[in-house]
Amino acid sequence: MSQDWSPSSWQTKPTAQPIVYPDPAAVEKVLAELSRLPPLVTSWEIERLKGQLADACRGERFLLQGGDCAESFEDCRSDVIANKLKILLKMSLVLVHGTGCNVIRVGRIAGQYAKPRSCLTETRGQITLPSFRGWLINRPGFSLQERTPDPELMLRGYERAALTINFIRGLVEGGFADFHHPEFWDLDFVNHSPHAEEYRCIVQAIARSIRFLETVAGRRLDEITRVEFYTSHEGLHLLYEQAQTRQVPRRRGWYNLSTHFPWIGDRTRDPNGAHVEYFRGIANPIGVKIGPTISPEELLDLIRLLNPQNEPGRLTLIHRFGVSRIDSCLPPLIEAVRRSGAVVLWCCDPMHGNTITTSTGRKTRSFDDILGELERAFDIHKRMGSHLGGVHFELTGENVTECIGGARQLTEQDLEQAYRSDVDPRLNYEQALEMAFVIASRLERRTLR
C-alpha cells in the first residue's frame, strides 16, 4: 500500500455507478455508527483465504464461488440460508470426489445487497424513477419513496449480513457439513435431478472411504466434521465498504472486515476510478470482473495497480464475455498476463455475458450458453498453457425457474412458475448440480498438481 492511500482517498476519484442521497447529514450519521460496530469477519480468516487462493494459482485448489445475484433482506431466513449453503456443499462434494482437489467454498452471501445497473433510471409508462440498486441502497417497489436511496439501509444491510454469517458459522461449526453424513445435505427436491443417482453413488463412495480410513486409524476423524466457508460480495457501495475498513493489531495495512473476498465489477474497474483506488489499498484478496470491453493494456494496468507486489492469492481475474465472444476476447488477455509474469487466479463467470430478454421482457439465461462458455473457457486455458482455477455462478438452493434449459428443458413459458429474482436470473439447484458434474469431468485428476 502506498503512502498516499487511505480508506477515503477514493473520494478524490470519479465514481462510476454513483449513489446520490438527498440528506448528506443522515449519511454521515449512519457511517459514524457503522464504523463503531464490530467487524463481520476477521483478518486471520482473510489471510487464510488468501493463502488458499495462492494454492489455487498453483493448481492445488479450485475456487467455487456462487450465490444470489442480489440478496434480499426478506430472504434472511434460516431455510433460505441453509439451502444456499447446501447447494454449494453439494457442488463442492462432486468436485472433490471427481478431481481429488481441495475446493475453496466462497458464497456470494452476507453482503451481496448492492448491484450495478446498466441504466440508473427505470421508466414505466410516463413515470421515470431511479433503478432498483439492491437492498443496501433502495427498495424494489416502484414509487419515489421506495426508489430514493436511504442511508438507513446500510445499517439494515450490516445487521442482515451479521445474522447470516452468524448462522452459517453455527451450522458449519455444529457439524452441518460433516463428511460422515453428506446425505444430510440433500434438498428435498434433488431427487428430480437427472444426476440424483450419480450423486448418491458419490455420497456412498465417500462414506465407504471415511469408514476405511477410520478403521485403519483406529479413531474417528473429527477434522472432517466441518468445512471452511468464506463470504464475498461486490464492493460497489464504497461508503459502506469504507466504514468497515479497519487496521487490526499485529498486522500491517487495512482490511475490509465486512467480507473475506470483495470484488470490483466490470462496470467499475476504471484504473483511474474510485473503486480501483479503494481496492488497491485493502489487504483482502480481491477479484476483478473483466468483460469484452477490456484491452490487454488496460488489464495490465489494473494488475499493476491492484497487485504491485505480485503476491500470489491477492488477485483473481473473473472473466465474463458470453459464449459468442469468449473465443476472441480471452486469448489476448491470457497471453498479455503470461508475458507480464503476473501471478493471478483465472476464474470463469459464465453467467453475466449470457443474459437475454424474452419476448415478454423477462430477463433470463440459457443453460446451454452458460455451459458453452464454461466449456470454451476450459479449452482456451488448456490450449494456451494457462490454468482455469475457479468458477463464479449466480445460483440458489431454491426451486426457481429463472434460467431456461437444463435437464428439465425449462422454456420461456416455464419461467413464470417460480421467477423470484429482483435483478438477474439464477441457476436453480438442479442446474447448479449439473454444472458441478461438468466441471468435475473437465478437471481430471492428472491435470491437478
Protein backbone atom coordinates (compact mmCIF):
# COMPACT_ATOMS: atom_id res chain seq x y z
CA MET A 1 0.00 0.00 0.00
CA SER A 2 1.37 3.40 -0.99
CA GLN A 3 1.70 6.35 1.38
CA ASP A 4 -0.94 8.34 -0.49
CA TRP A 5 -3.74 5.82 0.17
CA SER A 6 -6.38 5.94 2.89
CA PRO A 7 -9.83 4.32 3.21
CA SER A 8 -11.35 7.58 1.98
CA SER A 9 -8.87 8.51 -0.77
CA TRP A 10 -11.27 7.03 -3.35
CA GLN A 11 -13.44 10.11 -2.82
CA THR A 12 -10.94 12.16 -4.85
CA LYS A 13 -11.57 9.97 -7.93
CA PRO A 14 -14.53 9.81 -10.35
CA THR A 15 -17.12 7.30 -9.13
CA ALA A 16 -18.92 5.01 -11.56
CA GLN A 17 -22.44 3.94 -10.59
CA PRO A 18 -22.80 6.89 -8.16
CA ILE A 19 -25.33 6.79 -5.31
CA VAL A 20 -26.92 10.15 -4.55
CA TYR A 21 -28.56 10.57 -1.14
CA PRO A 22 -30.93 13.51 -0.56
CA ASP A 23 -29.68 14.13 3.03
CA PRO A 24 -25.85 14.17 3.45
CA ALA A 25 -26.14 14.67 7.22
CA ALA A 26 -28.15 11.45 7.55
CA VAL A 27 -25.47 9.61 5.58
CA GLU A 28 -22.70 10.84 7.88
CA LYS A 29 -24.68 9.75 10.93
CA VAL A 30 -25.12 6.23 9.55
CA LEU A 31 -21.45 5.93 8.54
CA ALA A 32 -20.32 7.02 12.02
CA GLU A 33 -22.49 4.31 13.54
CA LEU A 34 -21.28 1.67 11.07
CA SER A 35 -17.65 2.48 11.81
CA ARG A 36 -18.20 1.73 15.52
CA LEU A 37 -19.87 -1.65 15.01
CA PRO A 38 -17.88 -4.91 15.35
CA PRO A 39 -16.32 -6.39 12.21
CA LEU A 40 -18.18 -9.16 10.38
CA VAL A 41 -15.06 -11.20 9.54
CA THR A 42 -11.53 -11.39 10.92
CA SER A 43 -8.13 -10.64 9.44
CA TRP A 44 -6.84 -14.17 10.10
CA GLU A 45 -9.79 -15.63 8.15
CA ILE A 46 -8.96 -13.25 5.32
CA GLU A 47 -5.28 -14.22 5.33
CA ARG A 48 -6.16 -17.92 5.41
CA LEU A 49 -8.35 -17.47 2.33
CA LYS A 50 -5.58 -15.57 0.56
CA GLY A 51 -3.22 -18.48 1.21
CA GLN A 52 -5.73 -20.94 -0.23
CA LEU A 53 -6.23 -18.78 -3.31
CA ALA A 54 -2.44 -18.79 -3.73
CA ASP A 55 -2.68 -22.60 -3.74
CA ALA A 56 -5.34 -22.34 -6.45
CA CYS A 57 -2.96 -20.24 -8.57
CA ARG A 58 -0.61 -23.24 -8.50
CA GLY A 59 -3.39 -25.69 -9.39
CA GLU A 60 -3.53 -27.19 -5.90
CA ARG A 61 -7.07 -25.98 -5.11
CA PHE A 62 -10.14 -24.94 -7.06
CA LEU A 63 -12.34 -21.92 -6.33
CA LEU A 64 -16.11 -22.46 -6.24
CA GLN A 65 -17.88 -19.13 -5.82
CA GLY A 66 -21.64 -18.83 -6.02
CA GLY A 67 -24.83 -17.38 -4.64
CA ASP A 68 -27.54 -14.84 -5.28
CA CYS A 69 -27.25 -12.12 -7.89
CA ALA A 70 -28.53 -9.73 -5.22
CA GLU A 71 -29.50 -10.83 -1.75
CA SER A 72 -32.83 -9.70 -0.38
CA PHE A 73 -33.38 -8.62 3.22
CA GLU A 74 -36.57 -10.68 3.10
CA ASP A 75 -34.54 -13.83 2.43
CA CYS A 76 -32.57 -13.53 5.66
CA ARG A 77 -34.25 -16.74 6.85
CA SER A 78 -32.80 -19.95 8.19
CA ASP A 79 -34.21 -22.17 5.45
CA VAL A 80 -33.02 -19.92 2.61
CA ILE A 81 -29.53 -19.55 4.08
CA ALA A 82 -29.23 -23.28 4.78
CA ASN A 83 -30.28 -24.14 1.23
CA LYS A 84 -27.65 -21.80 -0.23
CA LEU A 85 -25.03 -23.48 1.91
CA LYS A 86 -26.33 -26.94 0.95
CA ILE A 87 -26.10 -26.43 -2.79
CA LEU A 88 -22.53 -25.10 -2.55
CA LEU A 89 -21.57 -28.03 -0.32
CA LYS A 90 -23.16 -30.48 -2.75
CA MET A 91 -21.33 -28.92 -5.69
CA SER A 92 -18.03 -28.98 -3.79
CA LEU A 93 -18.60 -32.63 -2.87
CA VAL A 94 -18.94 -33.52 -6.55
CA LEU A 95 -15.77 -31.56 -7.37
CA VAL A 96 -13.70 -33.05 -4.55
CA HIS A 97 -14.75 -36.58 -5.46
CA GLY A 98 -14.30 -36.09 -9.19
CA THR A 99 -10.94 -34.30 -9.10
CA GLY A 100 -9.21 -35.17 -5.85
CA CYS A 101 -8.64 -31.42 -5.48
CA ASN A 102 -9.33 -29.28 -2.42
CA VAL A 103 -12.18 -26.86 -3.08
CA ILE A 104 -12.37 -23.30 -1.75
CA ARG A 105 -16.03 -22.57 -0.96
CA VAL A 106 -16.96 -18.90 -1.29
CA GLY A 107 -20.55 -17.72 -1.14
CA ARG A 108 -21.98 -14.58 -2.70
CA ILE A 109 -23.66 -14.14 0.63
CA ALA A 110 -23.89 -11.96 3.75
CA GLY A 111 -23.36 -8.68 1.92
CA GLN A 112 -24.40 -9.01 -1.74
CA TYR A 113 -27.00 -6.30 -1.25
CA ALA A 114 -25.90 -3.76 -3.90
CA LYS A 115 -25.96 -4.19 -7.67
CA PRO A 116 -24.68 -2.08 -10.57
CA ARG A 117 -27.18 -1.32 -13.32
CA SER A 118 -26.70 -0.62 -16.99
CA CYS A 119 -29.24 2.20 -16.67
CA LEU A 120 -29.55 4.26 -13.50
CA THR A 121 -33.23 5.05 -14.15
CA GLU A 122 -36.28 2.94 -14.96
CA THR A 123 -39.34 4.12 -16.89
CA ARG A 124 -42.79 2.59 -16.67
CA GLY A 125 -45.37 4.35 -18.74
CA GLN A 126 -44.95 8.06 -18.12
CA ILE A 127 -43.07 7.64 -14.83
CA THR A 128 -39.26 7.58 -14.57
CA LEU A 129 -37.62 6.70 -11.25
CA PRO A 130 -34.15 5.62 -10.06
CA SER A 131 -33.42 1.96 -10.84
CA PHE A 132 -33.51 -0.57 -8.05
CA ARG A 133 -29.87 -0.82 -6.95
CA GLY A 134 -30.15 -3.52 -4.30
CA TRP A 135 -31.49 -3.52 -0.75
CA LEU A 136 -28.39 -1.75 0.58
CA ILE A 137 -29.36 1.35 -1.41
CA ASN A 138 -33.10 1.47 -2.15
CA ARG A 139 -36.16 -0.77 -2.41
CA PRO A 140 -37.65 -2.70 -5.36
CA GLY A 141 -41.16 -1.20 -5.24
CA PHE A 142 -41.91 1.31 -8.00
CA SER A 143 -42.58 4.54 -6.11
CA LEU A 144 -40.46 7.62 -5.49
CA GLN A 145 -40.20 6.88 -1.77
CA GLU A 146 -39.08 3.29 -2.35
CA ARG A 147 -36.59 4.13 -5.10
CA THR A 148 -34.98 7.09 -3.29
CA PRO A 149 -31.63 5.96 -1.76
CA ASP A 150 -31.98 5.59 2.01
CA PRO A 151 -28.80 5.58 4.15
CA GLU A 152 -30.53 3.63 6.94
CA LEU A 153 -30.49 0.62 4.61
CA MET A 154 -26.72 0.39 5.14
CA LEU A 155 -27.37 -0.38 8.81
CA ARG A 156 -30.08 -2.87 7.89
CA GLY A 157 -27.63 -4.49 5.46
CA TYR A 158 -24.94 -4.77 8.12
CA GLU A 159 -27.46 -6.37 10.51
CA ARG A 160 -28.68 -8.91 7.93
CA ALA A 161 -25.10 -9.75 6.98
CA ALA A 162 -24.18 -10.29 10.64
CA LEU A 163 -27.18 -12.55 11.19
CA THR A 164 -26.38 -14.54 8.06
CA ILE A 165 -22.69 -15.01 8.91
CA ASN A 166 -23.52 -15.98 12.47
CA PHE A 167 -25.98 -18.63 11.29
CA ILE A 168 -23.54 -20.02 8.71
CA ARG A 169 -20.79 -20.25 11.31
CA GLY A 170 -23.17 -22.00 13.69
CA LEU A 171 -24.11 -24.52 11.02
CA VAL A 172 -20.54 -25.22 9.95
CA GLU A 173 -19.11 -25.42 13.46
CA GLY A 174 -22.07 -27.50 14.62
CA GLY A 175 -21.41 -30.28 12.12
CA PHE A 176 -23.85 -29.30 9.36
CA ALA A 177 -21.11 -30.07 6.81
CA ASP A 178 -20.00 -33.32 8.45
CA PHE A 179 -18.48 -35.54 5.75
CA HIS A 180 -19.61 -38.55 7.80
CA HIS A 181 -23.17 -37.67 6.76
CA PRO A 182 -23.12 -35.87 3.39
CA GLU A 183 -26.58 -37.30 2.74
CA PHE A 184 -27.88 -34.71 5.22
CA TRP A 185 -27.06 -32.02 2.66
CA ASP A 186 -29.80 -33.24 0.31
CA LEU A 187 -32.51 -30.80 -0.62
CA ASP A 188 -35.98 -32.31 -0.61
CA PHE A 189 -36.40 -31.79 -4.34
CA VAL A 190 -32.97 -33.00 -5.50
CA ASN A 191 -34.40 -36.40 -6.41
CA HIS A 192 -35.85 -34.78 -9.54
CA SER A 193 -32.35 -34.11 -10.83
CA PRO A 194 -31.08 -36.39 -13.60
CA HIS A 195 -27.86 -36.64 -11.61
CA ALA A 196 -29.57 -37.75 -8.39
CA GLU A 197 -28.44 -41.37 -8.67
CA GLU A 198 -24.89 -40.38 -9.62
CA TYR A 199 -24.78 -38.03 -6.64
CA ARG A 200 -25.98 -40.78 -4.30
CA CYS A 201 -23.21 -43.05 -5.59
CA ILE A 202 -20.66 -40.33 -4.78
CA VAL A 203 -22.08 -39.99 -1.27
CA GLN A 204 -21.85 -43.73 -0.72
CA ALA A 205 -18.28 -43.87 -2.06
CA ILE A 206 -17.18 -41.08 0.29
CA ALA A 207 -18.87 -42.76 3.25
CA ARG A 208 -17.04 -46.01 2.48
CA SER A 209 -13.72 -44.19 2.19
CA ILE A 210 -14.20 -42.46 5.53
CA ARG A 211 -15.11 -45.73 7.25
CA PHE A 212 -12.00 -47.36 5.76
CA LEU A 213 -9.69 -44.55 6.92
CA GLU A 214 -11.17 -44.54 10.42
CA THR A 215 -10.80 -48.30 10.64
CA VAL A 216 -7.13 -48.05 9.67
CA ALA A 217 -6.54 -45.12 12.03
CA GLY A 218 -8.49 -46.74 14.85
CA ARG A 219 -10.26 -43.48 15.66
CA ARG A 220 -12.92 -41.08 14.42
CA LEU A 221 -11.61 -38.41 12.04
CA ASP A 222 -13.18 -35.39 13.70
CA GLU A 223 -11.33 -32.94 11.47
CA ILE A 224 -13.72 -33.81 8.60
CA THR A 225 -16.84 -32.90 10.56
CA ARG A 226 -16.66 -29.30 9.26
CA VAL A 227 -15.54 -27.35 6.23
CA GLU A 228 -14.21 -23.84 5.67
CA PHE A 229 -16.64 -21.39 4.12
CA TYR A 230 -15.98 -17.79 3.12
CA THR A 231 -18.15 -14.83 2.14
CA SER A 232 -17.88 -12.42 -0.78
CA HIS A 233 -19.73 -9.53 -2.36
CA GLU A 234 -19.21 -6.85 -4.97
CA GLY A 235 -17.69 -3.79 -3.32
CA LEU A 236 -19.97 -1.40 -5.18
CA HIS A 237 -21.12 0.92 -2.38
CA LEU A 238 -17.81 2.45 -1.34
CA LEU A 239 -19.20 4.43 1.61
CA TYR A 240 -20.40 1.16 3.14
CA GLU A 241 -17.06 -0.54 2.46
CA GLN A 242 -15.06 2.40 3.83
CA ALA A 243 -16.99 2.38 7.10
CA GLN A 244 -15.85 -1.20 7.77
CA THR A 245 -12.25 -0.82 6.65
CA ARG A 246 -10.02 -1.13 9.71
CA GLN A 247 -6.48 -1.63 10.91
CA VAL A 248 -6.01 -4.60 13.22
CA PRO A 249 -3.46 -5.37 15.96
CA ARG A 250 -0.23 -7.09 14.96
CA ARG A 251 -0.89 -6.81 11.22
CA ARG A 252 0.17 -4.21 8.70
CA GLY A 253 -2.25 -2.48 6.39
CA TRP A 254 -6.01 -2.06 6.19
CA TYR A 255 -8.64 -4.79 5.94
CA ASN A 256 -12.19 -4.64 4.67
CA LEU A 257 -13.81 -6.54 7.53
CA SER A 258 -17.29 -6.69 6.01
CA THR A 259 -16.34 -9.71 3.88
CA HIS A 260 -13.47 -12.06 3.15
CA PHE A 261 -13.35 -11.58 -0.62
CA PRO A 262 -14.71 -8.37 -2.21
CA TRP A 263 -14.63 -7.85 -5.95
CA ILE A 264 -14.75 -4.98 -8.44
CA GLY A 265 -17.46 -5.18 -11.09
CA ASP A 266 -16.92 -4.89 -14.84
CA ARG A 267 -18.69 -1.51 -14.85
CA THR A 268 -16.48 -0.02 -12.11
CA ARG A 269 -12.98 -1.25 -12.99
CA ASP A 270 -11.69 2.02 -14.46
CA PRO A 271 -7.98 2.17 -13.49
CA ASN A 272 -8.44 5.89 -12.78
CA GLY A 273 -11.72 5.47 -10.92
CA ALA A 274 -12.80 5.40 -7.31
CA HIS A 275 -13.32 1.65 -7.00
CA VAL A 276 -9.82 0.71 -8.14
CA GLU A 277 -8.42 3.42 -5.85
CA TYR A 278 -10.23 1.92 -2.85
CA PHE A 279 -9.40 -1.70 -3.65
CA ARG A 280 -5.70 -1.11 -4.25
CA GLY A 281 -5.21 -0.26 -0.58
CA ILE A 282 -7.00 -3.09 1.23
CA ALA A 283 -5.20 -6.27 2.27
CA ASN A 284 -8.03 -8.68 1.36
CA PRO A 285 -7.75 -11.00 -1.59
CA ILE A 286 -9.77 -9.27 -4.30
CA GLY A 287 -11.44 -10.11 -7.58
CA VAL A 288 -11.99 -8.08 -10.74
CA LYS A 289 -14.73 -8.84 -13.26
CA ILE A 290 -13.45 -8.38 -16.81
CA GLY A 291 -15.74 -8.25 -19.83
CA PRO A 292 -15.50 -7.79 -23.61
CA THR A 293 -14.54 -4.12 -23.50
CA ILE A 294 -11.25 -4.56 -21.64
CA SER A 295 -7.99 -4.40 -23.59
CA PRO A 296 -4.78 -6.27 -22.72
CA GLU A 297 -3.14 -2.94 -21.90
CA GLU A 298 -5.91 -1.91 -19.51
CA LEU A 299 -5.82 -5.32 -17.84
CA LEU A 300 -2.07 -4.99 -17.22
CA ASP A 301 -2.64 -1.52 -15.77
CA LEU A 302 -5.20 -2.98 -13.36
CA ILE A 303 -2.85 -5.76 -12.33
CA ARG A 304 -0.03 -3.30 -11.63
CA LEU A 305 -2.31 -1.09 -9.56
CA LEU A 306 -4.05 -3.84 -7.63
CA ASN A 307 -1.17 -6.24 -7.07
CA PRO A 308 2.10 -4.30 -7.38
CA GLN A 309 3.99 -6.86 -5.26
CA ASN A 310 2.76 -9.74 -7.46
CA GLU A 311 1.52 -11.53 -4.34
CA PRO A 312 0.06 -14.99 -5.07
CA GLY A 313 -3.59 -15.21 -3.99
CA ARG A 314 -4.06 -11.46 -3.96
CA LEU A 315 -5.79 -11.02 -7.35
CA THR A 316 -8.45 -13.12 -9.07
CA LEU A 317 -9.47 -12.24 -12.63
CA ILE A 318 -13.10 -13.24 -13.18
CA HIS A 319 -13.77 -13.24 -16.92
CA ARG A 320 -17.32 -12.83 -18.24
CA PHE A 321 -17.57 -12.50 -22.01
CA GLY A 322 -20.55 -14.52 -23.24
CA VAL A 323 -20.45 -17.69 -25.27
CA SER A 324 -20.26 -15.82 -28.58
CA ARG A 325 -17.29 -13.61 -27.59
CA ILE A 326 -15.02 -15.65 -25.33
CA ASP A 327 -13.05 -17.15 -28.24
CA SER A 328 -11.97 -13.71 -29.44
CA CYS A 329 -11.74 -11.89 -26.09
CA LEU A 330 -9.98 -14.27 -23.72
CA PRO A 331 -6.80 -15.44 -25.56
CA PRO A 332 -5.20 -11.96 -25.94
CA LEU A 333 -5.68 -11.34 -22.20
CA ILE A 334 -4.15 -14.67 -21.21
CA GLU A 335 -1.18 -14.00 -23.48
CA ALA A 336 -0.65 -10.49 -22.07
CA VAL A 337 -0.71 -11.76 -18.48
CA ARG A 338 1.64 -14.63 -19.35
CA ARG A 339 4.17 -12.26 -20.90
CA SER A 340 3.99 -9.89 -17.92
CA GLY A 341 4.80 -12.66 -15.43
CA ALA A 342 1.87 -11.63 -13.22
CA VAL A 343 0.57 -14.26 -10.81
CA VAL A 344 -3.23 -14.26 -10.97
CA LEU A 345 -6.03 -16.73 -10.43
CA TRP A 346 -8.22 -17.11 -13.52
CA CYS A 347 -11.90 -17.68 -12.79
CA CYS A 348 -14.81 -18.06 -15.23
CA ASP A 349 -18.16 -16.33 -14.70
CA PRO A 350 -20.30 -17.85 -17.49
CA MET A 351 -23.46 -16.10 -16.29
CA HIS A 352 -23.23 -12.37 -16.90
CA GLY A 353 -22.29 -12.38 -20.56
CA ASN A 354 -25.21 -14.62 -21.47
CA THR A 355 -28.21 -12.65 -20.25
CA ILE A 356 -31.07 -12.38 -22.75
CA THR A 357 -34.56 -10.90 -22.70
CA THR A 358 -37.63 -12.92 -23.66
CA SER A 359 -40.44 -11.69 -25.88
CA THR A 360 -42.36 -10.76 -22.73
CA GLY A 361 -39.50 -8.64 -21.37
CA ARG A 362 -38.29 -11.20 -18.81
CA LYS A 363 -34.52 -11.45 -18.26
CA THR A 364 -33.20 -14.99 -18.45
CA ARG A 365 -30.13 -17.03 -19.33
CA SER A 366 -29.77 -20.18 -21.38
CA PHE A 367 -28.25 -23.16 -19.62
CA ASP A 368 -26.65 -24.22 -22.93
CA ASP A 369 -24.99 -20.80 -23.33
CA ILE A 370 -23.69 -20.87 -19.74
CA LEU A 371 -22.34 -24.37 -20.24
CA GLY A 372 -20.92 -23.42 -23.62
CA GLU A 373 -18.91 -20.51 -22.24
CA LEU A 374 -17.61 -22.65 -19.40
CA GLU A 375 -16.52 -25.42 -21.78
CA ARG A 376 -14.78 -22.90 -24.05
CA ALA A 377 -13.01 -21.37 -21.06
CA PHE A 378 -11.51 -24.72 -20.08
CA ASP A 379 -10.44 -25.37 -23.68
CA ILE A 380 -8.84 -21.94 -24.20
CA HIS A 381 -6.87 -22.01 -20.95
CA LYS A 382 -5.63 -25.54 -21.67
CA ARG A 383 -4.66 -24.66 -25.24
CA MET A 384 -2.70 -21.62 -24.11
CA GLY A 385 -0.90 -23.38 -21.28
CA SER A 386 -2.88 -21.45 -18.69
CA HIS A 387 -4.92 -22.73 -15.78
CA LEU A 388 -8.61 -22.10 -15.09
CA GLY A 389 -8.65 -22.19 -11.30
CA GLY A 390 -12.23 -21.29 -10.43
CA VAL A 391 -15.83 -20.68 -11.39
CA HIS A 392 -18.28 -17.97 -10.37
CA PHE A 393 -22.04 -18.63 -10.58
CA GLU A 394 -25.24 -16.86 -9.72
CA LEU A 395 -27.27 -19.68 -8.21
CA THR A 396 -29.73 -20.56 -5.50
CA GLY A 397 -30.68 -23.58 -3.45
CA GLU A 398 -34.34 -22.81 -4.14
CA ASN A 399 -36.70 -24.41 -6.63
CA VAL A 400 -36.82 -21.45 -9.00
CA THR A 401 -37.39 -21.23 -12.76
CA GLU A 402 -35.22 -18.33 -13.92
CA CYS A 403 -32.80 -19.85 -16.46
CA ILE A 404 -34.10 -21.78 -19.46
CA GLY A 405 -32.80 -25.19 -20.46
CA GLY A 406 -31.02 -27.74 -18.34
CA ALA A 407 -32.03 -31.36 -17.88
CA ARG A 408 -35.70 -30.42 -17.44
CA GLN A 409 -35.54 -28.25 -20.55
CA LEU A 410 -37.25 -25.26 -18.97
CA THR A 411 -38.82 -22.99 -21.58
CA GLU A 412 -39.74 -19.31 -21.63
CA GLN A 413 -43.25 -20.29 -20.58
CA ASP A 414 -41.87 -22.17 -17.56
CA LEU A 415 -40.16 -19.04 -16.24
CA GLU A 416 -43.42 -17.75 -14.79
CA GLN A 417 -43.77 -20.77 -12.49
CA ALA A 418 -41.21 -19.57 -9.93
CA TYR A 419 -39.30 -16.49 -11.06
CA ARG A 420 -38.30 -14.80 -7.80
CA SER A 421 -35.17 -12.77 -8.51
CA ASP A 422 -35.46 -8.99 -8.19
CA VAL A 423 -32.49 -8.45 -10.51
CA ASP A 424 -30.77 -11.22 -12.51
CA PRO A 425 -31.75 -14.86 -13.22
CA ARG A 426 -30.03 -17.62 -11.25
CA LEU A 427 -29.35 -21.30 -11.80
CA ASN A 428 -31.63 -23.43 -9.66
CA TYR A 429 -30.43 -26.35 -7.54
CA GLU A 430 -30.66 -28.93 -10.36
CA GLN A 431 -28.92 -26.75 -12.93
CA ALA A 432 -26.17 -25.87 -10.44
CA LEU A 433 -25.56 -29.54 -9.67
CA GLU A 434 -25.40 -30.31 -13.39
CA MET A 435 -22.71 -27.66 -13.73
CA ALA A 436 -20.71 -29.27 -10.93
CA PHE A 437 -20.65 -32.59 -12.77
CA VAL A 438 -19.45 -30.85 -15.94
CA ILE A 439 -16.65 -29.09 -14.06
CA ALA A 440 -15.60 -32.31 -12.37
CA SER A 441 -15.41 -34.07 -15.74
CA ARG A 442 -13.07 -31.35 -17.05
CA LEU A 443 -10.81 -31.22 -14.01
CA GLU A 444 -9.19 -34.60 -14.42
CA ARG A 445 -7.07 -35.79 -11.54
CA ARG A 446 -3.94 -35.89 -13.65
CA THR A 447 -4.26 -32.20 -14.57
CA LEU A 448 -4.20 -31.11 -10.92
CA ARG A 449 -0.84 -30.96 -9.18
